[in-house]
Amino acid sequence: MSYNEMKFEDEENFKSLVCRRLVESGWMDEVTMLCKEKLKNRLSKGQSVKSITEDDLFNDIAPDARRKLPDTIKRELKVKVQNKLLQTAGYFDEIDSES
């Protein structure tokens, strides 16, 4: 397996882990509710659905969504990234990083 194939596989595993943790924590449901609330607010102020862009919605919810991200998930992902970087740099092998 080449370095690029290994990198892609690790990236896909990481993305999968992030998504799984966000769903398990209820964060995804909270963000969905935030989106619905922000859309209702914009619509109640007379803005049409067609005029609301993804960027508008993102800018409305991003600060709240970031604040709601559980610290446990942040710490877990930080450790995984640090371990992968150390492994890639040759500080320890895969067996050591999983213990």
PDB file of N, CA and C in Angstrom:
ATOM      1  N   MET A   1       0.840  -1.178   0.000  1.00  0.00           N
ATOM      2  CA  MET A   1       0.000   0.000   0.000  1.00  0.00           C
ATOM      3  C   MET A   1       0.890   1.247   0.000  1.00  0.00           C
ATOM      4  N   SER A   2       0.603   2.170  -0.899  1.00  0.00           N
ATOM      5  CA  SER A   2       1.408   3.378  -0.994  1.00  0.00           C
ATOM      6  C   SER A   2       1.045   4.361   0.124  1.00  0.00           C
ATOM      7  N   TYR A   3       1.902   5.351   0.316  1.00  0.00           N
ATOM      8  CA  TYR A   3       1.667   6.371   1.340  1.00  0.00           C
ATOM      9  C   TYR A   3       0.349   7.089   1.090  1.00  0.00           C
ATOM     10  N   ASN A   4       0.068   7.445  -0.180  1.00  0.00           N
ATOM     11  CA  ASN A   4      -1.166   8.166  -0.500  1.00  0.00           C
ATOM     12  C   ASN A   4      -2.403   7.326  -0.212  1.00  0.00           C
ATOM     13  N   GLU A   5      -2.348   6.023  -0.515  1.00  0.00           N
ATOM     14  CA  GLU A   5      -3.477   5.154  -0.215  1.00  0.00           C
ATOM     15  C   GLU A   5      -3.679   5.045   1.296  1.00  0.00           C
ATOM     16  N   MET A   6      -2.588   4.916   2.042  1.00  0.00           N
ATOM     17  CA  MET A   6      -2.660   4.812   3.486  1.00  0.00           C
ATOM     18  C   MET A   6      -3.223   6.111   4.069  1.00  0.00           C
ATOM     19  N   LYS A   7      -2.766   7.238   3.552  1.00  0.00           N
ATOM     20  CA  LYS A   7      -3.225   8.534   4.028  1.00  0.00           C
ATOM     21  C   LYS A   7      -4.727   8.668   3.809  1.00  0.00           C
ATOM     22  N   PHE A   8      -5.217   8.293   2.638  1.00  0.00           N
ATOM     23  CA  PHE A   8      -6.641   8.398   2.324  1.00  0.00           C
ATOM     24  C   PHE A   8      -7.456   7.500   3.248  1.00  0.00           C
ATOM     25  N   GLU A   9      -6.966   6.292   3.474  1.00  0.00           N
ATOM     26  CA  GLU A   9      -7.671   5.358   4.347  1.00  0.00           C
ATOM     27  C   GLU A   9      -7.764   5.922   5.761  1.00  0.00           C
ATOM     28  N   ASP A  10      -6.669   6.466   6.274  1.00  0.00           N
ATOM     29  CA  ASP A  10      -6.672   7.067   7.602  1.00  0.00           C
ATOM     30  C   ASP A  10      -7.629   8.257   7.661  1.00  0.00           C
ATOM     31  N   GLU A  11      -7.644   9.043   6.608  1.00  0.00           N
ATOM     32  CA  GLU A  11      -8.518  10.208   6.552  1.00  0.00           C
ATOM     33  C   GLU A  11      -9.980   9.783   6.585  1.00  0.00           C
ATOM     34  N   GLU A  12     -10.321   8.748   5.830  1.00  0.00           N
ATOM     35  CA  GLU A  12     -11.693   8.243   5.810  1.00  0.00           C
ATOM     36  C   GLU A  12     -12.085   7.685   7.182  1.00  0.00           C
ATOM     37  N   ASN A  13     -11.163   6.972   7.827  1.00  0.00           N
ATOM     38  CA  ASN A  13     -11.433   6.439   9.166  1.00  0.00           C
ATOM     39  C   ASN A  13     -11.657   7.575  10.155  1.00  0.00           C
ATOM     40  N   PHE A  14     -10.862   8.613  10.042  1.00  0.00           N
ATOM     41  CA  PHE A  14     -10.986   9.769  10.939  1.00  0.00           C
ATOM     42  C   PHE A  14     -12.328  10.471  10.724  1.00  0.00           C
ATOM     43  N   LYS A  15     -12.697  10.687   9.465  1.00  0.00           N
ATOM     44  CA  LYS A  15     -13.981  11.325   9.161  1.00  0.00           C
ATOM     45  C   LYS A  15     -15.137  10.505   9.718  1.00  0.00           C
ATOM     46  N   SER A  16     -15.035   9.195   9.550  1.00  0.00           N
ATOM     47  CA  SER A  16     -16.072   8.299  10.053  1.00  0.00           C
ATOM     48  C   SER A  16     -16.183   8.388  11.576  1.00  0.00           C
ATOM     49  N   LEU A  17     -15.037   8.425  12.254  1.00  0.00           N
ATOM     50  CA  LEU A  17     -15.024   8.547  13.710  1.00  0.00           C
ATOM     51  C   LEU A  17     -15.659   9.867  14.145  1.00  0.00           C
ATOM     52  N   VAL A  18     -15.300  10.959  13.493  1.00  0.00           N
ATOM     53  CA  VAL A  18     -15.849  12.274  13.833  1.00  0.00           C
ATOM     54  C   VAL A  18     -17.372  12.258  13.683  1.00  0.00           C
ATOM     55  N   CYS A  19     -17.852  11.777  12.564  1.00  0.00           N
ATOM     56  CA  CYS A  19     -19.300  11.737  12.332  1.00  0.00           C
ATOM     57  C   CYS A  19     -20.005  10.873  13.369  1.00  0.00           C
ATOM     58  N   ARG A  20     -19.432   9.723  13.657  1.00  0.00           N
ATOM     59  CA  ARG A  20     -20.025   8.809  14.636  1.00  0.00           C
ATOM     60  C   ARG A  20     -20.118   9.478  16.010  1.00  0.00           C
ATOM     61  N   ARG A  21     -19.047  10.121  16.431  1.00  0.00           N
ATOM     62  CA  ARG A  21     -19.031  10.780  17.750  1.00  0.00           C
ATOM     63  C   ARG A  21     -20.027  11.942  17.809  1.00  0.00           C
ATOM     64  N   LEU A  22     -20.136  12.690  16.732  1.00  0.00           N
ATOM     65  CA  LEU A  22     -21.064  13.820  16.719  1.00  0.00           C
ATOM     66  C   LEU A  22     -22.515  13.352  16.802  1.00  0.00           C
ATOM     67  N   VAL A  23     -22.814  12.252  16.136  1.00  0.00           N
ATOM     68  CA  VAL A  23     -24.169  11.699  16.203  1.00  0.00           C
ATOM     69  C   VAL A  23     -24.434  11.134  17.596  1.00  0.00           C
ATOM     70  N   GLU A  24     -23.486  10.355  18.118  1.00  0.00           N
ATOM     71  CA  GLU A  24     -23.646   9.733  19.438  1.00  0.00           C
ATOM     72  C   GLU A  24     -23.852  10.768  20.541  1.00  0.00           C
ATOM     73  N   SER A  25     -23.189  11.897  20.427  1.00  0.00           N
ATOM     74  CA  SER A  25     -23.260  12.925  21.469  1.00  0.00           C
ATOM     75  C   SER A  25     -24.544  13.748  21.405  1.00  0.00           C
ATOM     76  N   GLY A  26     -25.262  13.640  20.299  1.00  0.00           N
ATOM     77  CA  GLY A  26     -26.470  14.436  20.123  1.00  0.00           C
ATOM     78  C   GLY A  26     -26.201  15.799  19.497  1.00  0.00           C
ATOM     79  N   TRP A  27     -24.933  16.065  19.192  1.00  0.00           N
ATOM     80  CA  TRP A  27     -24.553  17.346  18.621  1.00  0.00           C
ATOM     81  C   TRP A  27     -25.241  17.579  17.276  1.00  0.00           C
ATOM     82  N   MET A  28     -25.313  16.540  16.463  1.00  0.00           N
ATOM     83  CA  MET A  28     -25.937  16.691  15.133  1.00  0.00           C
ATOM     84  C   MET A  28     -27.402  17.099  15.263  1.00  0.00           C
ATOM     85  N   ASP A  29     -28.100  16.496  16.220  1.00  0.00           N
ATOM     86  CA  ASP A  29     -29.507  16.865  16.446  1.00  0.00           C
ATOM     87  C   ASP A  29     -29.626  18.313  16.898  1.00  0.00           C
ATOM     88  N   GLU A  30     -28.716  18.740  17.783  1.00  0.00           N
ATOM     89  CA  GLU A  30     -28.732  20.123  18.252  1.00  0.00           C
ATOM     90  C   GLU A  30     -28.505  21.104  17.103  1.00  0.00           C
ATOM     91  N   VAL A  31     -27.566  20.782  16.224  1.00  0.00           N
ATOM     92  CA  VAL A  31     -27.267  21.669  15.095  1.00  0.00           C
ATOM     93  C   VAL A  31     -28.442  21.695  14.118  1.00  0.00           C
ATOM     94  N   THR A  32     -29.091  20.561  13.940  1.00  0.00           N
ATOM     95  CA  THR A  32     -30.281  20.524  13.082  1.00  0.00           C
ATOM     96  C   THR A  32     -31.357  21.454  13.637  1.00  0.00           C
ATOM     97  N   MET A  33     -31.546  21.411  14.951  1.00  0.00           N
ATOM     98  CA  MET A  33     -32.535  22.298  15.579  1.00  0.00           C
ATOM     99  C   MET A  33     -32.134  23.766  15.442  1.00  0.00           C
ATOM    100  N   LEU A  34     -30.833  24.041  15.580  1.00  0.00           N
ATOM    101  CA  LEU A  34     -30.357  25.419  15.381  1.00  0.00           C
ATOM    102  C   LEU A  34     -30.684  25.907  13.967  1.00  0.00           C
ATOM    103  N   CYS A  35     -30.455  25.051  12.987  1.00  0.00           N
ATOM    104  CA  CYS A  35     -30.743  25.417  11.590  1.00  0.00           C
ATOM    105  C   CYS A  35     -32.218  25.746  11.409  1.00  0.00           C
ATOM    106  N   LYS A  36     -33.068  24.900  11.974  1.00  0.00           N
ATOM    107  CA  LYS A  36     -34.516  25.128  11.848  1.00  0.00           C
ATOM    108  C   LYS A  36     -34.916  26.443  12.500  1.00  0.00           C
ATOM    109  N   GLU A  37     -34.352  26.717  13.691  1.00  0.00           N
ATOM    110  CA  GLU A  37     -34.666  27.966  14.395  1.00  0.00           C
ATOM    111  C   GLU A  37     -34.218  29.181  13.588  1.00  0.00           C
ATOM    112  N   LYS A  38     -33.004  29.123  13.065  1.00  0.00           N
ATOM    113  CA  LYS A  38     -32.477  30.268  12.302  1.00  0.00           C
ATOM    114  C   LYS A  38     -33.285  30.494  11.031  1.00  0.00           C
ATOM    115  N   LEU A  39     -33.689  29.389  10.376  1.00  0.00           N
ATOM    116  CA  LEU A  39     -34.519  29.531   9.180  1.00  0.00           C
ATOM    117  C   LEU A  39     -35.866  30.165   9.522  1.00  0.00           C
ATOM    118  N   LYS A  40     -36.490  29.694  10.609  1.00  0.00           N
ATOM    119  CA  LYS A  40     -37.778  30.268  11.027  1.00  0.00           C
ATOM    120  C   LYS A  40     -37.626  31.754  11.324  1.00  0.00           C
ATOM    121  N   ASN A  41     -36.540  32.129  12.000  1.00  0.00           N
ATOM    122  CA  ASN A  41     -36.314  33.546  12.313  1.00  0.00           C
ATOM    123  C   ASN A  41     -36.195  34.380  11.046  1.00  0.00           C
ATOM    124  N   ARG A  42     -35.426  33.888  10.090  1.00  0.00           N
ATOM    125  CA  ARG A  42     -35.252  34.635   8.839  1.00  0.00           C
ATOM    126  C   ARG A  42     -36.574  34.738   8.070  1.00  0.00           C
ATOM    127  N   LEU A  43     -37.327  33.633   8.049  1.00  0.00           N
ATOM    128  CA  LEU A  43     -38.602  33.636   7.334  1.00  0.00           C
ATOM    129  C   LEU A  43     -39.617  34.553   8.023  1.00  0.00           C
ATOM    130  N   SER A  44     -39.595  34.572   9.364  1.00  0.00           N
ATOM    131  CA  SER A  44     -40.533  35.438  10.093  1.00  0.00           C
ATOM    132  C   SER A  44     -40.218  36.919   9.884  1.00  0.00           C
ATOM    133  N   LYS A  45     -38.990  37.213   9.488  1.00  0.00           N
ATOM    134  CA  LYS A  45     -38.600  38.601   9.211  1.00  0.00           C
ATOM    135  C   LYS A  45     -38.849  38.987   7.756  1.00  0.00           C
ATOM    136  N   GLY A  46     -39.507  38.072   7.008  1.00  0.00           N
ATOM    137  CA  GLY A  46     -39.889  38.385   5.641  1.00  0.00           C
ATOM    138  C   GLY A  46     -38.911  37.945   4.568  1.00  0.00           C
ATOM    139  N   GLN A  47     -37.838  37.289   4.953  1.00  0.00           N
ATOM    140  CA  GLN A  47     -36.870  36.831   3.948  1.00  0.00           C
ATOM    141  C   GLN A  47     -37.429  35.581   3.268  1.00  0.00           C
ATOM    142  N   SER A  48     -37.246  35.481   1.961  1.00  0.00           N
ATOM    143  CA  SER A  48     -37.756  34.309   1.238  1.00  0.00           C
ATOM    144  C   SER A  48     -36.754  33.153   1.335  1.00  0.00           C
ATOM    145  N   VAL A  49     -37.269  31.944   1.209  1.00  0.00           N
ATOM    146  CA  VAL A  49     -36.422  30.749   1.280  1.00  0.00           C
ATOM    147  C   VAL A  49     -35.357  30.795   0.195  1.00  0.00           C
ATOM    148  N   LYS A  50     -35.718  31.245  -0.981  1.00  0.00           N
ATOM    149  CA  LYS A  50     -34.776  31.283  -2.103  1.00  0.00           C
ATOM    150  C   LYS A  50     -33.625  32.258  -1.876  1.00  0.00           C
ATOM    151  N   SER A  51     -33.846  33.257  -1.043  1.00  0.00           N
ATOM    152  CA  SER A  51     -32.801  34.258  -0.829  1.00  0.00           C
ATOM    153  C   SER A  51     -31.809  33.861   0.273  1.00  0.00           C
ATOM    154  N   ILE A  52     -32.102  32.803   1.010  1.00  0.00           N
ATOM    155  CA  ILE A  52     -31.213  32.361   2.089  1.00  0.00           C
ATOM    156  C   ILE A  52     -30.170  31.414   1.510  1.00  0.00           C
ATOM    157  N   THR A  53     -28.922  31.794   1.623  1.00  0.00           N
ATOM    158  CA  THR A  53     -27.845  30.958   1.078  1.00  0.00           C
ATOM    159  C   THR A  53     -27.292  30.029   2.160  1.00  0.00           C
ATOM    160  N   GLU A  54     -26.550  29.034   1.730  1.00  0.00           N
ATOM    161  CA  GLU A  54     -25.878  28.135   2.672  1.00  0.00           C
ATOM    162  C   GLU A  54     -24.907  28.925   3.539  1.00  0.00           C
ATOM    163  N   ASP A  55     -24.232  29.883   2.933  1.00  0.00           N
ATOM    164  CA  ASP A  55     -23.295  30.720   3.691  1.00  0.00           C
ATOM    165  C   ASP A  55     -24.014  31.514   4.779  1.00  0.00           C
ATOM    166  N   ASP A  56     -25.199  32.040   4.451  1.00  0.00           N
ATOM    167  CA  ASP A  56     -25.982  32.778   5.454  1.00  0.00           C
ATOM    168  C   ASP A  56     -26.296  31.877   6.646  1.00  0.00           C
ATOM    169  N   LEU A  57     -26.776  30.692   6.342  1.00  0.00           N
ATOM    170  CA  LEU A  57     -27.154  29.753   7.397  1.00  0.00           C
ATOM    171  C   LEU A  57     -25.931  29.320   8.206  1.00  0.00           C
ATOM    172  N   PHE A  58     -24.856  29.042   7.505  1.00  0.00           N
ATOM    173  CA  PHE A  58     -23.618  28.652   8.193  1.00  0.00           C
ATOM    174  C   PHE A  58     -23.163  29.752   9.143  1.00  0.00           C
ATOM    175  N   ASN A  59     -23.137  30.980   8.656  1.00  0.00           N
ATOM    176  CA  ASN A  59     -22.703  32.107   9.491  1.00  0.00           C
ATOM    177  C   ASN A  59     -23.619  32.315  10.698  1.00  0.00           C
ATOM    178  N   ASP A  60     -24.903  31.993  10.534  1.00  0.00           N
ATOM    179  CA  ASP A  60     -25.851  32.114  11.642  1.00  0.00           C
ATOM    180  C   ASP A  60     -25.600  31.074  12.735  1.00  0.00           C
ATOM    181  N   ILE A  61     -25.294  29.840  12.331  1.00  0.00           N
ATOM    182  CA  ILE A  61     -25.223  28.763  13.335  1.00  0.00           C
ATOM    183  C   ILE A  61     -23.817  28.392  13.782  1.00  0.00           C
ATOM    184  N   ALA A  62     -22.797  28.733  13.026  1.00  0.00           N
ATOM    185  CA  ALA A  62     -21.434  28.283  13.333  1.00  0.00           C
ATOM    186  C   ALA A  62     -20.974  28.621  14.751  1.00  0.00           C
ATOM    187  N   PRO A  63     -21.155  29.845  15.224  1.00  0.00           N
ATOM    188  CA  PRO A  63     -20.678  30.133  16.588  1.00  0.00           C
ATOM    189  C   PRO A  63     -21.348  29.263  17.657  1.00  0.00           C
ATOM    190  N   ASP A  64     -22.671  29.103  17.550  1.00  0.00           N
ATOM    191  CA  ASP A  64     -23.389  28.270  18.518  1.00  0.00           C
ATOM    192  C   ASP A  64     -23.010  26.803  18.383  1.00  0.00           C
ATOM    193  N   ALA A  65     -22.854  26.345  17.160  1.00  0.00           N
ATOM    194  CA  ALA A  65     -22.499  24.941  16.931  1.00  0.00           C
ATOM    195  C   ALA A  65     -21.115  24.633  17.508  1.00  0.00           C
ATOM    196  N   ARG A  66     -20.183  25.552  17.342  1.00  0.00           N
ATOM    197  CA  ARG A  66     -18.838  25.357  17.907  1.00  0.00           C
ATOM    198  C   ARG A  66     -18.874  25.305  19.429  1.00  0.00           C
ATOM    199  N   ARG A  67     -19.666  26.179  20.029  1.00  0.00           N
ATOM    200  CA  ARG A  67     -19.770  26.198  21.496  1.00  0.00           C
ATOM    201  C   ARG A  67     -20.389  24.914  22.034  1.00  0.00           C
ATOM    202  N   LYS A  68     -21.285  24.326  21.282  1.00  0.00           N
ATOM    203  CA  LYS A  68     -21.981  23.121  21.732  1.00  0.00           C
ATOM    204  C   LYS A  68     -21.170  21.833  21.528  1.00  0.00           C
ATOM    205  N   LEU A  69     -20.071  21.917  20.823  1.00  0.00           N
ATOM    206  CA  LEU A  69     -19.241  20.730  20.595  1.00  0.00           C
ATOM    207  C   LEU A  69     -18.678  20.234  21.924  1.00  0.00           C
ATOM    208  N   PRO A  70     -18.965  18.982  22.299  1.00  0.00           N
ATOM    209  CA  PRO A  70     -18.513  18.468  23.599  1.00  0.00           C
ATOM    210  C   PRO A  70     -16.987  18.436  23.716  1.00  0.00           C
ATOM    211  N   ASP A  71     -16.488  18.841  24.877  1.00  0.00           N
ATOM    212  CA  ASP A  71     -15.046  18.841  25.136  1.00  0.00           C
ATOM    213  C   ASP A  71     -14.453  17.437  25.033  1.00  0.00           C
ATOM    214  N   THR A  72     -15.229  16.435  25.399  1.00  0.00           N
ATOM    215  CA  THR A  72     -14.706  15.057  25.329  1.00  0.00           C
ATOM    216  C   THR A  72     -14.365  14.673  23.890  1.00  0.00           C
ATOM    217  N   ILE A  73     -15.179  15.112  22.958  1.00  0.00           N
ATOM    218  CA  ILE A  73     -14.913  14.811  21.547  1.00  0.00           C
ATOM    219  C   ILE A  73     -13.674  15.579  21.076  1.00  0.00           C
ATOM    220  N   LYS A  74     -13.568  16.832  21.463  1.00  0.00           N
ATOM    221  CA  LYS A  74     -12.398  17.622  21.084  1.00  0.00           C
ATOM    222  C   LYS A  74     -11.115  16.960  21.582  1.00  0.00           C
ATOM    223  N   ARG A  75     -11.126  16.518  22.850  1.00  0.00           N
ATOM    224  CA  ARG A  75      -9.927  15.893  23.423  1.00  0.00           C
ATOM    225  C   ARG A  75      -9.597  14.580  22.724  1.00  0.00           C
ATOM    226  N   GLU A  76     -10.614  13.759  22.481  1.00  0.00           N
ATOM    227  CA  GLU A  76     -10.375  12.475  21.819  1.00  0.00           C
ATOM    228  C   GLU A  76      -9.762  12.666  20.440  1.00  0.00           C
ATOM    229  N   LEU A  77     -10.306  13.585  19.670  1.00  0.00           N
ATOM    230  CA  LEU A  77      -9.813  13.813  18.313  1.00  0.00           C
ATOM    231  C   LEU A  77      -8.415  14.422  18.338  1.00  0.00           C
ATOM    232  N   LYS A  78      -8.161  15.294  19.295  1.00  0.00           N
ATOM    233  CA  LYS A  78      -6.833  15.885  19.425  1.00  0.00           C
ATOM    234  C   LYS A  78      -5.786  14.802  19.698  1.00  0.00           C
ATOM    235  N   VAL A  79      -6.095  13.879  20.596  1.00  0.00           N
ATOM    236  CA  VAL A  79      -5.165  12.792  20.919  1.00  0.00           C
ATOM    237  C   VAL A  79      -4.932  11.908  19.699  1.00  0.00           C
ATOM    238  N   LYS A  80      -5.995  11.598  18.955  1.00  0.00           N
ATOM    239  CA  LYS A  80      -5.852  10.759  17.757  1.00  0.00           C
ATOM    240  C   LYS A  80      -4.945  11.434  16.733  1.00  0.00           C
ATOM    241  N   VAL A  81      -5.137  12.725  16.516  1.00  0.00           N
ATOM    242  CA  VAL A  81      -4.311  13.454  15.542  1.00  0.00           C
ATOM    243  C   VAL A  81      -2.863  13.512  16.018  1.00  0.00           C
ATOM    244  N   GLN A  82      -2.653  13.807  17.295  1.00  0.00           N
ATOM    245  CA  GLN A  82      -1.288  13.857  17.832  1.00  0.00           C
ATOM    246  C   GLN A  82      -0.595  12.505  17.680  1.00  0.00           C
ATOM    247  N   ASN A  83      -1.302  11.431  18.026  1.00  0.00           N
ATOM    248  CA  ASN A  83      -0.714  10.092  17.907  1.00  0.00           C
ATOM    249  C   ASN A  83      -0.360   9.758  16.465  1.00  0.00           C
ATOM    250  N   LYS A  84      -1.231  10.128  15.531  1.00  0.00           N
ATOM    251  CA  LYS A  84      -0.964   9.856  14.120  1.00  0.00           C
ATOM    252  C   LYS A  84       0.252  10.638  13.646  1.00  0.00           C
ATOM    253  N   LEU A  85       0.365  11.886  14.066  1.00  0.00           N
ATOM    254  CA  LEU A  85       1.526  12.696  13.677  1.00  0.00           C
ATOM    255  C   LEU A  85       2.813  12.120  14.259  1.00  0.00           C
ATOM    256  N   LEU A  86       2.766  11.708  15.512  1.00  0.00           N
ATOM    257  CA  LEU A  86       3.949  11.103  16.136  1.00  0.00           C
ATOM    258  C   LEU A  86       4.321   9.785  15.453  1.00  0.00           C
ATOM    259  N   GLN A  87       3.316   9.004  15.112  1.00  0.00           N
ATOM    260  CA  GLN A  87       3.559   7.735  14.415  1.00  0.00           C
ATOM    261  C   GLN A  87       4.178   8.000  13.051  1.00  0.00           C
ATOM    262  N   THR A  88       3.623   8.952  12.322  1.00  0.00           N
ATOM    263  CA  THR A  88       4.130   9.292  10.995  1.00  0.00           C
ATOM    264  C   THR A  88       5.570   9.802  11.076  1.00  0.00           C
ATOM    265  N   ALA A  89       5.876  10.531  12.140  1.00  0.00           N
ATOM    266  CA  ALA A  89       7.228  11.070  12.320  1.00  0.00           C
ATOM    267  C   ALA A  89       8.210  10.007  12.819  1.00  0.00           C
ATOM    268  N   GLY A  90       7.681   8.825  13.152  1.00  0.00           N
ATOM    269  CA  GLY A  90       8.552   7.732  13.570  1.00  0.00           C
ATOM    270  C   GLY A  90       8.845   7.667  15.053  1.00  0.00           C
ATOM    271  N   TYR A  91       8.081   8.390  15.872  1.00  0.00           N
ATOM    272  CA  TYR A  91       8.320   8.366  17.311  1.00  0.00           C
ATOM    273  C   TYR A  91       7.827   7.082  17.969  1.00  0.00           C
ATOM    274  N   PHE A  92       6.815   6.443  17.377  1.00  0.00           N
ATOM    275  CA  PHE A  92       6.385   5.133  17.837  1.00  0.00           C
ATOM    276  C   PHE A  92       5.615   4.463  16.717  1.00  0.00           C
ATOM    277  N   ASP A  93       5.487   3.127  16.806  1.00  0.00           N
ATOM    278  CA  ASP A  93       4.792   2.398  15.749  1.00  0.00           C
ATOM    279  C   ASP A  93       3.315   2.238  16.098  1.00  0.00           C
ATOM    280  N   GLU A  94       2.550   1.597  15.184  1.00  0.00           N
ATOM    281  CA  GLU A  94       1.117   1.471  15.369  1.00  0.00           C
ATOM    282  C   GLU A  94       0.744   0.717  16.639  1.00  0.00           C
ATOM    283  N   ILE A  95       1.498  -0.308  16.977  1.00  0.00           N
ATOM    284  CA  ILE A  95       1.191  -1.117  18.152  1.00  0.00           C
ATOM    285  C   ILE A  95       1.276  -0.259  19.405  1.00  0.00           C
ATOM    286  N   ASP A  96       2.311   0.575  19.505  1.00  0.00           N
ATOM    287  CA  ASP A  96       2.480   1.434  20.675  1.00  0.00           C
ATOM    288  C   ASP A  96       1.367   2.485  20.767  1.00  0.00           C
ATOM    289  N   SER A  97       0.928   3.013  19.618  1.00  0.00           N
ATOM    290  CA  SER A  97      -0.049   4.113  19.626  1.00  0.00           C
ATOM    291  C   SER A  97      -1.437   3.665  20.048  1.00  0.00           C
ATOM    292  N   GLU A  98      -1.728   2.379  19.943  1.00  0.00           N
ATOM    293  CA  GLU A  98      -3.051   1.907  20.291  1.00  0.00           C
ATOM    294  C   GLU A  98      -3.152   1.474  21.736  1.00  0.00           C
ATOM    295  N   SER A  99      -2.063   1.451  22.460  1.00  0.00           N
ATOM    296  CA  SER A  99      -2.110   1.027  23.863  1.00  0.00           C
ATOM    297  C   SER A  99      -2.366   2.172  24.798  1.00  0.00           C
TER     298      SER A  99
END
